[in-house]
Amino acid sequence: MFYLLAYISSVVLINYAFSSAPHLDVIWSAWGGLVFILRDMVQTRFGHGALVAMLAALVLSYITSEPAIALASATAFFVSELIDWLVFSITKRPLRDRLWLSSALSIPVDTFIFFGMIGALTPLVVGTAMASKFAGVSAVWLAMTWRARKAALLR
């Protein structure tokens, strides 16, 4: 339940932040990495229920943020969530690999759609957003890999 609430709250808060202080877009773009990790955690625990969580977050974002920000967020999340769903549904790799693969495919798409739609598609913002997102998912992948190796040694 923690990841579900953290995911919804993060989406709403980051969209509000982009709406209320767009001049700090580099800071908000760095925060985006957390949202991807939380989304993956929600997807692993709730499966297709992640789509309901995304919808709830986007409705709340529409209420609390500028409509253009909420629309950009909804569009980017929809496309990247579809990519994640395909990777999680089609591949039979271990969870840690599916997390990284889905992120490798969806992060660039999400980043370009969102920042393109809000008119903030600059190298600094895109670079910061992609670096934070890839750093976060890579840290999760490393932790999961370490746990799997440790468990294999204990067998």
C-alpha atoms as a PDB file:
ATOM      1  CA  MET A   1       0.000   0.000   0.000  1.00  0.00           C
ATOM      2  CA  PHE A   2       2.945   2.316   0.713  1.00  0.00           C
ATOM      3  CA  TYR A   3       4.151   2.219  -2.907  1.00  0.00           C
ATOM      4  CA  LEU A   4       0.646   2.818  -4.214  1.00  0.00           C
ATOM      5  CA  LEU A   5       0.131   5.935  -2.088  1.00  0.00           C
ATOM      6  CA  ALA A   6       3.676   7.158  -2.733  1.00  0.00           C
ATOM      7  CA  TYR A   7       3.208   6.733  -6.487  1.00  0.00           C
ATOM      8  CA  ILE A   8      -0.098   8.597  -6.654  1.00  0.00           C
ATOM      9  CA  SER A   9       1.178  11.352  -4.363  1.00  0.00           C
ATOM     10  CA  SER A  10       4.400  11.760  -6.330  1.00  0.00           C
ATOM     11  CA  VAL A  11       2.607  12.105  -9.656  1.00  0.00           C
ATOM     12  CA  VAL A  12       0.242  14.716  -8.233  1.00  0.00           C
ATOM     13  CA  LEU A  13       3.003  16.631  -6.455  1.00  0.00           C
ATOM     14  CA  ILE A  14       5.383  16.660  -9.399  1.00  0.00           C
ATOM     15  CA  ASN A  15       2.656  17.891 -11.748  1.00  0.00           C
ATOM     16  CA  TYR A  16       1.719  20.569  -9.223  1.00  0.00           C
ATOM     17  CA  ALA A  17       5.385  21.561  -8.947  1.00  0.00           C
ATOM     18  CA  PHE A  18       5.724  21.920 -12.729  1.00  0.00           C
ATOM     19  CA  SER A  19       2.565  24.042 -12.732  1.00  0.00           C
ATOM     20  CA  SER A  20       3.453  26.306  -9.828  1.00  0.00           C
ATOM     21  CA  ALA A  21       7.178  26.785 -10.453  1.00  0.00           C
ATOM     22  CA  PRO A  22       7.996  25.967 -14.081  1.00  0.00           C
ATOM     23  CA  HIS A  23      11.289  27.875 -13.845  1.00  0.00           C
ATOM     24  CA  LEU A  24      12.569  25.058 -11.615  1.00  0.00           C
ATOM     25  CA  ASP A  25      11.953  22.439 -14.309  1.00  0.00           C
ATOM     26  CA  VAL A  26      15.442  20.960 -13.903  1.00  0.00           C
ATOM     27  CA  ILE A  27      14.711  20.180 -10.239  1.00  0.00           C
ATOM     28  CA  TRP A  28      11.300  18.706 -11.031  1.00  0.00           C
ATOM     29  CA  SER A  29      12.765  16.661 -13.887  1.00  0.00           C
ATOM     30  CA  ALA A  30      15.233  15.073 -11.452  1.00  0.00           C
ATOM     31  CA  TRP A  31      12.322  14.116  -9.199  1.00  0.00           C
ATOM     32  CA  GLY A  32      10.817  12.195 -12.104  1.00  0.00           C
ATOM     33  CA  GLY A  33      13.162   9.282 -11.512  1.00  0.00           C
ATOM     34  CA  LEU A  34      11.353   8.442  -8.304  1.00  0.00           C
ATOM     35  CA  VAL A  35       8.015   8.275 -10.092  1.00  0.00           C
ATOM     36  CA  PHE A  36       9.294   5.574 -12.478  1.00  0.00           C
ATOM     37  CA  ILE A  37      10.610   3.435  -9.636  1.00  0.00           C
ATOM     38  CA  LEU A  38       7.350   3.787  -7.724  1.00  0.00           C
ATOM     39  CA  ARG A  39       5.327   2.952 -10.832  1.00  0.00           C
ATOM     40  CA  ASP A  40       7.321  -0.242 -11.327  1.00  0.00           C
ATOM     41  CA  MET A  41       6.820  -1.204  -7.678  1.00  0.00           C
ATOM     42  CA  VAL A  42       3.071  -0.608  -8.007  1.00  0.00           C
ATOM     43  CA  GLN A  43       2.996  -2.670 -11.201  1.00  0.00           C
ATOM     44  CA  THR A  44       4.809  -5.591  -9.581  1.00  0.00           C
ATOM     45  CA  ARG A  45       2.422  -5.586  -6.610  1.00  0.00           C
ATOM     46  CA  PHE A  46      -0.892  -4.700  -8.268  1.00  0.00           C
ATOM     47  CA  GLY A  47      -0.415  -5.776 -11.901  1.00  0.00           C
ATOM     48  CA  HIS A  48      -2.952  -4.078 -14.143  1.00  0.00           C
ATOM     49  CA  GLY A  49      -4.175  -2.176 -11.082  1.00  0.00           C
ATOM     50  CA  ALA A  50      -1.263   0.171 -11.799  1.00  0.00           C
ATOM     51  CA  LEU A  51      -3.427   1.607 -14.568  1.00  0.00           C
ATOM     52  CA  VAL A  52      -6.128   2.489 -12.021  1.00  0.00           C
ATOM     53  CA  ALA A  53      -3.486   4.138  -9.822  1.00  0.00           C
ATOM     54  CA  MET A  54      -2.207   6.090 -12.814  1.00  0.00           C
ATOM     55  CA  LEU A  55      -5.733   7.227 -13.669  1.00  0.00           C
ATOM     56  CA  ALA A  56      -6.361   8.347 -10.079  1.00  0.00           C
ATOM     57  CA  ALA A  57      -3.089  10.283 -10.049  1.00  0.00           C
ATOM     58  CA  LEU A  58      -3.898  11.969 -13.333  1.00  0.00           C
ATOM     59  CA  VAL A  59      -7.419  12.960 -12.268  1.00  0.00           C
ATOM     60  CA  LEU A  60      -5.993  14.477  -9.094  1.00  0.00           C
ATOM     61  CA  SER A  61      -3.308  16.185 -11.190  1.00  0.00           C
ATOM     62  CA  TYR A  62      -5.938  17.692 -13.447  1.00  0.00           C
ATOM     63  CA  ILE A  63      -7.675  19.146 -10.376  1.00  0.00           C
ATOM     64  CA  THR A  64      -4.509  20.484  -8.734  1.00  0.00           C
ATOM     65  CA  SER A  65      -2.324  21.425 -11.717  1.00  0.00           C
ATOM     66  CA  GLU A  66      -2.540  23.321 -14.956  1.00  0.00           C
ATOM     67  CA  PRO A  67      -4.576  21.345 -17.489  1.00  0.00           C
ATOM     68  CA  ALA A  68      -1.687  21.443 -19.996  1.00  0.00           C
ATOM     69  CA  ILE A  69       0.645  19.829 -17.457  1.00  0.00           C
ATOM     70  CA  ALA A  70      -1.939  17.202 -16.559  1.00  0.00           C
ATOM     71  CA  LEU A  71      -2.562  16.423 -20.237  1.00  0.00           C
ATOM     72  CA  ALA A  72       1.163  16.132 -20.972  1.00  0.00           C
ATOM     73  CA  SER A  73       1.595  13.894 -17.950  1.00  0.00           C
ATOM     74  CA  ALA A  74      -1.386  11.727 -18.929  1.00  0.00           C
ATOM     75  CA  THR A  75      -0.151  11.335 -22.485  1.00  0.00           C
ATOM     76  CA  ALA A  76       3.421  10.515 -21.470  1.00  0.00           C
ATOM     77  CA  PHE A  77       2.302   8.114 -18.738  1.00  0.00           C
ATOM     78  CA  PHE A  78      -0.156   6.373 -21.049  1.00  0.00           C
ATOM     79  CA  VAL A  79       2.464   5.691 -23.711  1.00  0.00           C
ATOM     80  CA  SER A  80       5.192   4.688 -21.258  1.00  0.00           C
ATOM     81  CA  GLU A  81       2.781   2.557 -19.240  1.00  0.00           C
ATOM     82  CA  LEU A  82       1.767   0.754 -22.428  1.00  0.00           C
ATOM     83  CA  ILE A  83       5.441   0.032 -23.115  1.00  0.00           C
ATOM     84  CA  ASP A  84       5.897  -1.226 -19.542  1.00  0.00           C
ATOM     85  CA  TRP A  85       2.788  -3.390 -19.786  1.00  0.00           C
ATOM     86  CA  LEU A  86       4.042  -4.957 -23.028  1.00  0.00           C
ATOM     87  CA  VAL A  87       7.467  -5.705 -21.566  1.00  0.00           C
ATOM     88  CA  PHE A  88       6.002  -7.143 -18.351  1.00  0.00           C
ATOM     89  CA  SER A  89       3.422  -9.190 -20.298  1.00  0.00           C
ATOM     90  CA  ILE A  90       5.624 -10.531 -23.072  1.00  0.00           C
ATOM     91  CA  THR A  91       9.012 -11.167 -21.514  1.00  0.00           C
ATOM     92  CA  LYS A  92       9.654 -13.992 -19.128  1.00  0.00           C
ATOM     93  CA  ARG A  93      12.916 -12.598 -17.784  1.00  0.00           C
ATOM     94  CA  PRO A  94      13.460 -12.149 -14.041  1.00  0.00           C
ATOM     95  CA  LEU A  95      11.665  -9.173 -12.534  1.00  0.00           C
ATOM     96  CA  ARG A  96      14.840  -7.094 -12.212  1.00  0.00           C
ATOM     97  CA  ASP A  97      15.532  -7.473 -15.937  1.00  0.00           C
ATOM     98  CA  ARG A  98      11.960  -6.610 -16.896  1.00  0.00           C
ATOM     99  CA  LEU A  99      12.161  -3.471 -14.736  1.00  0.00           C
ATOM    100  CA  TRP A 100      15.327  -2.315 -16.449  1.00  0.00           C
ATOM    101  CA  LEU A 101      14.213  -3.260 -19.966  1.00  0.00           C
ATOM    102  CA  SER A 102      10.834  -1.579 -19.606  1.00  0.00           C
ATOM    103  CA  SER A 103      12.520   1.536 -18.253  1.00  0.00           C
ATOM    104  CA  ALA A 104      15.132   1.576 -21.017  1.00  0.00           C
ATOM    105  CA  LEU A 105      12.311   1.641 -23.549  1.00  0.00           C
ATOM    106  CA  SER A 106       9.790   3.854 -21.766  1.00  0.00           C
ATOM    107  CA  ILE A 107      11.977   6.511 -20.131  1.00  0.00           C
ATOM    108  CA  PRO A 108      13.105   8.237 -23.341  1.00  0.00           C
ATOM    109  CA  VAL A 109       9.600   8.117 -24.806  1.00  0.00           C
ATOM    110  CA  ASP A 110       8.004   9.484 -21.625  1.00  0.00           C
ATOM    111  CA  THR A 111      10.623  12.216 -21.292  1.00  0.00           C
ATOM    112  CA  PHE A 112      10.322  13.493 -24.857  1.00  0.00           C
ATOM    113  CA  ILE A 113       6.515  13.407 -24.866  1.00  0.00           C
ATOM    114  CA  PHE A 114       6.101  15.200 -21.530  1.00  0.00           C
ATOM    115  CA  PHE A 115       8.716  17.907 -21.996  1.00  0.00           C
ATOM    116  CA  GLY A 116       7.797  18.367 -25.635  1.00  0.00           C
ATOM    117  CA  MET A 117       4.152  18.944 -24.753  1.00  0.00           C
ATOM    118  CA  ILE A 118       4.927  21.502 -22.037  1.00  0.00           C
ATOM    119  CA  GLY A 119       7.515  23.351 -24.132  1.00  0.00           C
ATOM    120  CA  ALA A 120      10.490  22.501 -21.930  1.00  0.00           C
ATOM    121  CA  LEU A 121      12.380  20.203 -24.268  1.00  0.00           C
ATOM    122  CA  THR A 122      15.882  21.494 -23.538  1.00  0.00           C
ATOM    123  CA  PRO A 123      19.063  19.413 -23.356  1.00  0.00           C
ATOM    124  CA  LEU A 124      19.545  20.223 -19.652  1.00  0.00           C
ATOM    125  CA  VAL A 125      16.012  19.264 -18.642  1.00  0.00           C
ATOM    126  CA  VAL A 126      15.912  16.137 -20.811  1.00  0.00           C
ATOM    127  CA  GLY A 127      19.379  15.081 -19.684  1.00  0.00           C
ATOM    128  CA  THR A 128      18.536  15.606 -16.014  1.00  0.00           C
ATOM    129  CA  ALA A 129      15.238  13.740 -16.310  1.00  0.00           C
ATOM    130  CA  MET A 130      16.731  10.787 -18.152  1.00  0.00           C
ATOM    131  CA  ALA A 131      19.796  10.607 -15.889  1.00  0.00           C
ATOM    132  CA  SER A 132      17.698  10.592 -12.710  1.00  0.00           C
ATOM    133  CA  LYS A 133      15.287   8.009 -14.089  1.00  0.00           C
ATOM    134  CA  PHE A 134      18.050   5.690 -15.309  1.00  0.00           C
ATOM    135  CA  ALA A 135      20.042   6.142 -12.080  1.00  0.00           C
ATOM    136  CA  GLY A 136      17.011   5.184 -10.025  1.00  0.00           C
ATOM    137  CA  VAL A 137      16.092   2.112 -12.022  1.00  0.00           C
ATOM    138  CA  SER A 138      19.741   1.038 -12.196  1.00  0.00           C
ATOM    139  CA  ALA A 139      20.028   1.282  -8.402  1.00  0.00           C
ATOM    140  CA  VAL A 140      16.931  -0.882  -8.018  1.00  0.00           C
ATOM    141  CA  TRP A 141      18.301  -3.370 -10.588  1.00  0.00           C
ATOM    142  CA  LEU A 142      21.637  -3.582  -8.743  1.00  0.00           C
ATOM    143  CA  ALA A 143      19.908  -4.133  -5.388  1.00  0.00           C
ATOM    144  CA  MET A 144      17.698  -6.867  -6.839  1.00  0.00           C
ATOM    145  CA  THR A 145      20.680  -8.521  -8.556  1.00  0.00           C
ATOM    146  CA  TRP A 146      22.664  -8.446  -5.320  1.00  0.00           C
ATOM    147  CA  ARG A 147      19.758 -10.024  -3.423  1.00  0.00           C
ATOM    148  CA  ALA A 148      19.352 -12.750  -6.053  1.00  0.00           C
ATOM    149  CA  ARG A 149      23.063 -13.613  -5.933  1.00  0.00           C
ATOM    150  CA  LYS A 150      23.046 -13.624  -2.146  1.00  0.00           C
ATOM    151  CA  ALA A 151      20.018 -15.942  -2.121  1.00  0.00           C
ATOM    152  CA  ALA A 152      21.694 -18.262  -4.651  1.00  0.00           C
ATOM    153  CA  LEU A 153      24.782 -18.511  -2.444  1.00  0.00           C
ATOM    154  CA  LEU A 154      22.666 -19.455   0.567  1.00  0.00           C
ATOM    155  CA  ARG A 155      21.036 -22.382  -1.214  1.00  0.00           C
END
